[in-house]
Amino acid sequence: MTGTVSKLAAPRPAAALLPPASLRSAALAFAPSPRRLRVSIAGRARSPVVAMASAKEGNGAPTKKTALHDLYELQGLSPWYDNLCRPVTDLLPLIASGVRGVTSNPTIFQKAISSSSAYDDQFKQLISAGKDAESAYWELVIKDIQDACKLFEPIYNETDGADGYVSVEVSPRLANDTQGTVEAAKWLHKVVNRPNVYIKIPATAECVPSIREVISNGISVNVTLIFSIVRYEAVIDAYLDGLEASGLSDLSRVTSVASFFVSRVDTLIDKMLEKIGTPEALSLRGKAAVAQAKLANQLYQKKFSGPRWEALAKKGAKKQRLLWASTGVKNPAYPDTLYVDSLIGPDTVCLHDEFHGWN
């Protein structure tokens, strides 16, 4: 990875990268183990998931169908796991139980690296070889992403590239850097070198043009951190513009998801409602997030229909699916599955970091 770090973020002084206390701590500055599985579907009680995974056969084989399978087969919703750490084979029981994709971010990797000794040997080798902390961090990340892509590749192949993706995020320091994000996305796509990798790009105003350019280069993208309908529409347009600008005759392998963050909307709006304090205002708590998500779905239906979309679909283009992120409730007074049960629908993705005990 020598000479590639500058493509991900503006160079920083070595002292900032390597505080005297610990090289390992420095690597973590750039950046949880998988939990038990729990499931429910629209309030239907389920017995605990029982799954069997086979490392030899790749993604294992379930001993019984789970609610996650039902979500996909009956409702058209793909459950994705919001977590990644070593050993990556810990994902096998989740895959066998119906999980169809995985995402990551720098915070997830920070927790993984700091809480596990599984990274120590590779990290020591990289530092001994003269890598700085940031270069070492990216090599650790890229290995995990590649290994996870291998596990999900059967799903990717079975669905003709519609599912089975693993997401890796560009450096957060590039959130306001349009061209820097483009270069980082190209670099990550090249070094990961897996057909089912999603390059994760934030939906900042500066990065919306990046999304268009990255898509036009034939790179699949997970657009993250969408909080409003206005920004969501700009993200859809960036995807459509990118497909049209690609010049590709076959668009079937250039795909995207738009990650709409749900629960954080209620966290913000609920505080405003509580300040108003009237009975009517208080009765609206916990409703804004789902209401906005449903408006987003209406916009999705509108934008991915009509002559413009039909022309792209003839070239094999796939719709940019809505991914419901931040689906864990922040208010303990709300049901655990408020943002899952309320948003079950076809051609969507539900992202969660824990699937144990939804009953």
Protein backbone atom coordinates (compact mmCIF):
# COMPACT_ATOMS: atom_id res chain seq x y z
CA MET A 1 0.00 0.00 0.00
CA THR A 2 3.02 2.29 -0.16
CA GLY A 3 2.16 5.56 -1.85
CA THR A 4 -1.59 5.04 -1.80
CA VAL A 5 -2.64 6.67 1.46
CA SER A 6 -2.67 10.17 -0.02
CA LYS A 7 -5.52 9.07 -2.27
CA LEU A 8 -7.69 8.47 0.75
CA ALA A 9 -7.08 11.62 2.72
CA ALA A 10 -4.87 14.66 2.87
CA PRO A 11 -1.46 13.69 4.32
CA ARG A 12 -0.96 14.45 7.99
CA PRO A 13 2.32 14.92 9.87
CA ALA A 14 3.87 11.71 11.14
CA ALA A 15 3.58 12.93 14.71
CA ALA A 16 -0.17 13.20 14.32
CA LEU A 17 -0.33 9.70 12.94
CA LEU A 18 1.92 8.09 15.51
CA PRO A 19 1.51 9.40 19.07
CA PRO A 20 4.34 8.09 21.26
CA ALA A 21 2.02 6.02 23.46
CA SER A 22 1.23 3.30 20.96
CA LEU A 23 1.47 2.59 17.25
CA ARG A 24 -1.58 0.36 17.58
CA SER A 25 -3.57 3.18 19.19
CA ALA A 26 -2.58 5.37 16.28
CA ALA A 27 -4.01 2.88 13.80
CA LEU A 28 -7.24 2.71 15.77
CA ALA A 29 -7.57 6.48 15.53
CA PHE A 30 -8.40 6.04 11.87
CA ALA A 31 -10.92 3.75 12.23
CA PRO A 32 -17.98 -4.96 17.53
CA SER A 33 -17.84 -8.61 17.50
CA PRO A 34 -20.91 -10.27 15.96
CA ARG A 35 -23.74 -10.65 18.43
CA ARG A 36 -26.37 -13.34 18.80
CA LEU A 37 -29.07 -13.48 16.19
CA ARG A 38 -32.64 -12.43 16.89
CA VAL A 39 -35.54 -12.07 14.49
CA SER A 40 -39.19 -11.18 14.15
CA ILE A 41 -41.50 -10.40 11.29
CA ALA A 42 -44.32 -7.93 11.76
CA GLY A 43 -44.83 -8.95 15.37
CA ARG A 44 -45.00 -12.70 14.74
CA ALA A 45 -43.26 -14.59 17.50
CA ARG A 46 -40.48 -16.91 16.42
CA SER A 47 -38.51 -19.56 18.24
CA PRO A 48 -34.76 -18.84 18.48
CA VAL A 49 -32.87 -19.10 15.22
CA VAL A 50 -31.10 -22.41 14.74
CA ALA A 51 -28.41 -22.40 12.06
CA MET A 52 -25.52 -24.50 10.92
CA ALA A 53 -22.57 -23.01 9.06
CA SER A 54 -19.98 -24.86 7.05
CA ALA A 55 -16.66 -23.14 6.44
CA LYS A 56 -15.90 -25.76 3.81
CA GLU A 57 -19.02 -24.99 1.82
CA GLY A 58 -18.74 -21.21 2.11
CA ASN A 59 -22.02 -19.87 3.43
CA GLY A 60 -23.31 -22.89 5.35
CA ALA A 61 -26.77 -24.44 5.34
CA PRO A 62 -29.64 -23.58 7.68
CA THR A 63 -31.24 -26.36 9.66
CA LYS A 64 -34.54 -24.47 9.53
CA LYS A 65 -36.02 -21.46 7.80
CA THR A 66 -35.92 -18.25 9.83
CA ALA A 67 -37.89 -15.02 9.84
CA LEU A 68 -35.00 -13.43 7.95
CA HIS A 69 -35.62 -15.87 5.11
CA ASP A 70 -39.31 -14.97 5.27
CA LEU A 71 -38.52 -11.27 5.07
CA TYR A 72 -36.69 -11.82 1.81
CA GLU A 73 -38.78 -14.56 0.23
CA LEU A 74 -42.22 -13.26 1.19
CA GLN A 75 -41.68 -9.51 1.56
CA GLY A 76 -38.73 -8.74 -0.74
CA LEU A 77 -36.68 -7.16 2.06
CA SER A 78 -32.98 -8.01 2.37
CA PRO A 79 -31.57 -8.13 5.93
CA TRP A 80 -28.01 -6.78 6.12
CA TYR A 81 -25.67 -6.87 9.10
CA ASP A 82 -24.02 -3.66 10.30
CA ASN A 83 -20.83 -5.09 11.75
CA LEU A 84 -17.58 -6.76 10.74
CA CYS A 85 -14.62 -8.14 12.66
CA ARG A 86 -12.24 -11.08 12.78
CA PRO A 87 -12.67 -13.94 12.46
CA VAL A 88 -14.78 -13.05 9.46
CA THR A 89 -16.09 -16.62 9.46
CA ASP A 90 -18.26 -15.56 12.40
CA LEU A 91 -20.54 -14.24 9.66
CA LEU A 92 -21.32 -17.76 8.45
CA PRO A 93 -24.15 -18.47 10.96
CA LEU A 94 -25.70 -15.11 10.07
CA ILE A 95 -25.54 -15.88 6.36
CA ALA A 96 -27.07 -19.30 6.98
CA SER A 97 -29.85 -17.63 8.95
CA GLY A 98 -30.76 -15.23 6.16
CA VAL A 99 -28.44 -12.22 6.33
CA ARG A 100 -27.74 -11.13 2.75
CA GLY A 101 -25.11 -8.39 3.06
CA VAL A 102 -22.82 -6.60 5.49
CA THR A 103 -21.65 -3.04 5.99
CA SER A 104 -18.73 -1.51 7.82
CA ASN A 105 -17.44 1.90 8.81
CA PRO A 106 -14.36 3.31 10.57
CA THR A 107 -16.04 3.12 13.99
CA ILE A 108 -16.83 -0.57 13.51
CA PHE A 109 -13.21 -1.28 12.60
CA GLN A 110 -11.92 0.79 15.53
CA LYS A 111 -13.95 -1.36 17.90
CA ALA A 112 -12.96 -4.57 16.14
CA ILE A 113 -9.23 -3.85 16.16
CA SER A 114 -9.17 -2.55 19.72
CA SER A 115 -11.20 -5.41 21.20
CA SER A 116 -9.55 -8.35 19.47
CA SER A 117 -6.03 -9.79 19.33
CA ALA A 118 -6.84 -11.24 15.89
CA TYR A 119 -5.29 -8.20 14.20
CA ASP A 120 -2.07 -8.07 16.22
CA ASP A 121 0.16 -10.33 14.14
CA GLN A 122 -0.66 -8.68 10.82
CA PHE A 123 -0.36 -5.23 12.36
CA LYS A 124 3.09 -5.99 13.80
CA GLN A 125 4.24 -7.35 10.44
CA LEU A 126 3.05 -4.23 8.65
CA ILE A 127 4.76 -1.88 11.09
CA SER A 128 7.94 -3.95 10.94
CA ALA A 129 7.81 -3.63 7.16
CA GLY A 130 7.84 0.15 7.50
CA LYS A 131 4.14 0.91 7.07
CA ASP A 132 2.81 3.94 8.90
CA ALA A 133 -0.26 3.56 11.08
CA GLU A 134 -2.75 4.75 8.47
CA SER A 135 -1.36 2.45 5.77
CA ALA A 136 -1.44 -0.45 8.24
CA TYR A 137 -5.03 0.36 9.17
CA TRP A 138 -6.17 0.22 5.54
CA GLU A 139 -4.41 -3.09 4.94
CA LEU A 140 -6.21 -4.59 7.94
CA VAL A 141 -9.53 -3.25 6.66
CA ILE A 142 -9.01 -4.39 3.07
CA LYS A 143 -8.25 -7.96 4.15
CA ASP A 144 -11.46 -8.14 6.19
CA ILE A 145 -13.50 -6.70 3.32
CA GLN A 146 -12.00 -9.15 0.82
CA ASP A 147 -12.62 -12.11 3.12
CA ALA A 148 -16.22 -11.02 3.75
CA CYS A 149 -16.81 -10.52 0.02
CA LYS A 150 -15.78 -14.13 -0.52
CA LEU A 151 -18.36 -15.35 1.98
CA PHE A 152 -21.17 -13.33 0.38
CA GLU A 153 -20.17 -14.04 -3.21
CA PRO A 154 -22.56 -17.03 -3.57
CA ILE A 155 -25.50 -14.73 -2.76
CA TYR A 156 -24.17 -12.14 -5.21
CA ASN A 157 -23.95 -14.75 -7.95
CA GLU A 158 -27.32 -16.36 -7.19
CA THR A 159 -29.09 -12.98 -7.39
CA ASP A 160 -27.23 -11.76 -10.49
CA GLY A 161 -25.59 -8.97 -8.52
CA ALA A 162 -28.71 -7.79 -6.70
CA ASP A 163 -27.55 -8.82 -3.21
CA GLY A 164 -24.55 -10.19 -1.34
CA TYR A 165 -22.61 -6.93 -0.98
CA VAL A 166 -19.97 -5.88 1.53
CA SER A 167 -19.51 -2.12 2.10
CA VAL A 168 -16.28 -0.31 2.90
CA GLU A 169 -16.31 3.43 3.58
CA VAL A 170 -13.97 6.11 2.29
CA SER A 171 -12.14 8.15 4.91
CA PRO A 172 -14.52 10.43 6.88
CA ARG A 173 -11.95 13.19 6.47
CA LEU A 174 -13.02 13.41 2.83
CA ALA A 175 -16.67 14.23 3.57
CA ASN A 176 -16.22 17.76 2.19
CA ASP A 177 -13.75 16.87 -0.56
CA THR A 178 -15.44 16.06 -3.86
CA GLN A 179 -12.42 14.98 -5.89
CA GLY A 180 -10.66 13.38 -2.93
CA THR A 181 -13.69 11.16 -2.43
CA VAL A 182 -13.68 10.15 -6.09
CA GLU A 183 -10.00 9.20 -5.95
CA ALA A 184 -10.47 7.30 -2.68
CA ALA A 185 -13.42 5.37 -4.11
CA LYS A 186 -11.47 4.42 -7.23
CA TRP A 187 -8.51 3.31 -5.13
CA LEU A 188 -10.58 1.20 -2.76
CA HIS A 189 -12.46 -0.42 -5.64
CA LYS A 190 -9.14 -1.29 -7.28
CA VAL A 191 -7.36 -2.70 -4.23
CA VAL A 192 -10.33 -4.66 -2.86
CA ASN A 193 -10.90 -6.06 -6.36
CA ARG A 194 -14.10 -7.94 -5.62
CA PRO A 195 -17.28 -7.75 -7.74
CA ASN A 196 -19.54 -7.54 -4.68
CA VAL A 197 -17.88 -4.65 -2.86
CA TYR A 198 -19.80 -1.43 -2.28
CA ILE A 199 -17.78 1.73 -1.83
CA LYS A 200 -19.51 3.73 0.88
CA ILE A 201 -19.76 7.49 0.24
CA PRO A 202 -21.53 9.99 2.53
CA ALA A 203 -24.40 12.04 1.13
CA THR A 204 -22.83 15.40 1.94
CA ALA A 205 -23.43 18.24 -0.48
CA GLU A 206 -19.81 17.98 -1.61
CA CYS A 207 -20.00 14.23 -2.17
CA VAL A 208 -23.18 14.12 -4.25
CA PRO A 209 -21.14 15.01 -7.37
CA SER A 210 -18.61 12.36 -6.28
CA ILE A 211 -21.36 9.74 -6.33
CA ARG A 212 -22.23 10.62 -9.90
CA GLU A 213 -18.62 10.39 -11.05
CA VAL A 214 -17.90 7.16 -9.21
CA ILE A 215 -21.02 5.52 -10.66
CA SER A 216 -20.06 6.75 -14.14
CA ASN A 217 -16.77 4.87 -13.69
CA GLY A 218 -18.69 1.61 -13.24
CA ILE A 219 -18.17 1.42 -9.47
CA SER A 220 -21.05 0.33 -7.23
CA VAL A 221 -21.83 2.64 -4.31
CA ASN A 222 -23.52 2.54 -0.93
CA VAL A 223 -24.61 6.14 -0.32
CA THR A 224 -24.69 6.66 3.44
CA LEU A 225 -25.93 9.25 5.93
CA ILE A 226 -29.10 10.42 4.18
CA PHE A 227 -31.41 12.27 6.55
CA SER A 228 -33.80 14.29 4.36
CA ILE A 229 -36.03 13.87 1.33
CA VAL A 230 -34.32 16.73 -0.50
CA ARG A 231 -30.90 15.13 -0.17
CA TYR A 232 -32.30 11.72 -1.05
CA GLU A 233 -33.64 13.05 -4.34
CA ALA A 234 -30.21 14.53 -5.12
CA VAL A 235 -28.67 11.10 -4.44
CA ILE A 236 -31.11 9.37 -6.81
CA ASP A 237 -30.34 11.93 -9.50
CA ALA A 238 -26.60 11.40 -9.00
CA TYR A 239 -27.10 7.66 -9.51
CA LEU A 240 -29.19 8.10 -12.65
CA ASP A 241 -26.83 10.74 -14.04
CA GLY A 242 -23.86 8.45 -13.36
CA LEU A 243 -25.46 5.51 -15.15
CA GLU A 244 -26.24 7.67 -18.17
CA ALA A 245 -22.72 9.12 -18.24
CA SER A 246 -21.02 5.74 -17.95
CA GLY A 247 -21.34 4.91 -21.63
CA LEU A 248 -21.76 1.24 -20.71
CA SER A 249 -24.01 -0.91 -22.86
CA ASP A 250 -24.53 -3.32 -19.93
CA LEU A 251 -25.40 -1.59 -16.66
CA SER A 252 -26.35 -4.72 -14.73
CA ARG A 253 -23.20 -4.76 -12.57
CA VAL A 254 -23.24 -1.12 -11.54
CA THR A 255 -25.59 -0.95 -8.58
CA SER A 256 -26.26 1.18 -5.52
CA VAL A 257 -28.18 1.48 -2.29
CA ALA A 258 -29.29 4.72 -0.67
CA SER A 259 -28.91 4.45 3.11
CA PHE A 260 -31.67 6.47 4.75
CA PHE A 261 -31.08 6.93 8.47
CA VAL A 262 -34.30 6.48 10.38
CA SER A 263 -34.20 6.54 14.19
CA ARG A 264 -32.02 9.64 14.43
CA VAL A 265 -34.85 11.64 12.86
CA ASP A 266 -37.11 10.77 15.80
CA THR A 267 -34.30 11.57 18.23
CA LEU A 268 -34.23 15.12 16.85
CA ILE A 269 -37.94 15.66 16.27
CA ASP A 270 -39.00 14.15 19.61
CA LYS A 271 -36.90 16.74 21.46
CA MET A 272 -38.66 19.51 19.54
CA LEU A 273 -42.06 18.02 20.30
CA GLU A 274 -41.21 17.77 23.99
CA LYS A 275 -40.25 21.44 24.04
CA ILE A 276 -43.67 22.30 22.61
CA GLY A 277 -45.16 20.11 25.30
CA THR A 278 -48.82 20.11 24.26
CA PRO A 279 -50.75 16.82 24.32
CA GLU A 280 -51.03 16.93 20.54
CA ALA A 281 -47.28 17.46 20.12
CA LEU A 282 -46.39 14.72 22.60
CA SER A 283 -48.69 12.29 20.81
CA LEU A 284 -46.54 12.65 17.69
CA ARG A 285 -43.36 11.39 19.30
CA GLY A 286 -41.85 8.39 17.56
CA LYS A 287 -43.74 8.99 14.32
CA ALA A 288 -41.69 11.45 12.26
CA ALA A 289 -38.98 8.99 11.22
CA VAL A 290 -41.33 6.39 9.79
CA ALA A 291 -43.46 9.08 8.13
CA GLN A 292 -40.41 10.52 6.37
CA ALA A 293 -39.22 7.05 5.39
CA LYS A 294 -42.57 6.37 3.75
CA LEU A 295 -42.27 9.64 1.82
CA ALA A 296 -38.82 8.48 0.70
CA ASN A 297 -40.34 5.26 -0.58
CA GLN A 298 -42.93 7.23 -2.54
CA LEU A 299 -40.13 9.24 -4.12
CA TYR A 300 -38.32 6.01 -4.95
CA GLN A 301 -41.40 4.69 -6.76
CA LYS A 302 -41.69 7.93 -8.73
CA LYS A 303 -38.04 8.29 -9.76
CA PHE A 304 -37.56 4.67 -10.77
CA SER A 305 -40.39 4.64 -13.27
CA GLY A 306 -41.20 6.45 -16.48
CA PRO A 307 -39.27 6.91 -19.74
CA ARG A 308 -35.91 7.92 -18.26
CA TRP A 309 -35.70 4.89 -16.00
CA GLU A 310 -37.11 2.53 -18.62
CA ALA A 311 -34.31 3.50 -21.02
CA LEU A 312 -31.71 2.60 -18.38
CA ALA A 313 -33.52 -0.58 -17.40
CA LYS A 314 -33.30 -1.77 -21.03
CA LYS A 315 -29.52 -1.70 -20.57
CA GLY A 316 -29.79 -3.86 -17.46
CA ALA A 317 -29.74 -1.10 -14.84
CA LYS A 318 -30.96 -2.04 -11.36
CA LYS A 319 -32.94 0.29 -9.15
CA GLN A 320 -31.03 2.01 -6.37
CA ARG A 321 -32.66 0.28 -3.42
CA LEU A 322 -33.56 2.09 -0.25
CA LEU A 323 -31.57 0.85 2.72
CA TRP A 324 -33.12 1.56 6.10
CA ALA A 325 -30.20 2.36 8.41
CA SER A 326 -30.16 3.38 12.06
CA THR A 327 -33.06 0.99 12.69
CA GLY A 328 -32.25 0.37 16.34
CA VAL A 329 -34.53 2.37 18.62
CA LYS A 330 -32.87 5.11 20.66
CA ASN A 331 -35.83 5.56 23.02
CA PRO A 332 -36.29 2.50 25.28
CA ALA A 333 -40.00 3.26 25.48
CA TYR A 334 -40.40 2.27 21.83
CA PRO A 335 -40.73 -1.35 20.66
CA ASP A 336 -37.41 -2.90 19.61
CA THR A 337 -38.62 -3.46 16.06
CA LEU A 338 -40.44 -0.15 15.53
CA TYR A 339 -38.27 0.82 12.56
CA VAL A 340 -38.14 -2.70 11.14
CA ASP A 341 -41.78 -3.80 11.27
CA SER A 342 -42.97 -0.38 10.06
CA LEU A 343 -40.80 -0.38 6.95
CA ILE A 344 -41.04 -3.93 5.61
CA GLY A 345 -41.52 -3.74 1.86
CA PRO A 346 -40.27 -5.03 -1.49
CA ASP A 347 -36.90 -4.05 -2.96
CA THR A 348 -35.60 -2.61 0.31
CA VAL A 349 -32.72 -3.40 2.65
CA CYS A 350 -32.93 -3.37 6.43
CA LEU A 351 -29.62 -2.76 8.21
CA HIS A 352 -29.16 -3.76 11.82
CA ASP A 353 -26.26 -4.56 14.14
CA GLU A 354 -28.11 -7.18 16.16
CA PHE A 355 -30.68 -9.77 15.14
CA HIS A 356 -31.12 -11.52 18.51
CA GLY A 357 -34.43 -11.46 20.41
CA TRP A 358 -36.88 -9.67 18.11
CA ASN A 359 -40.00 -11.45 19.32
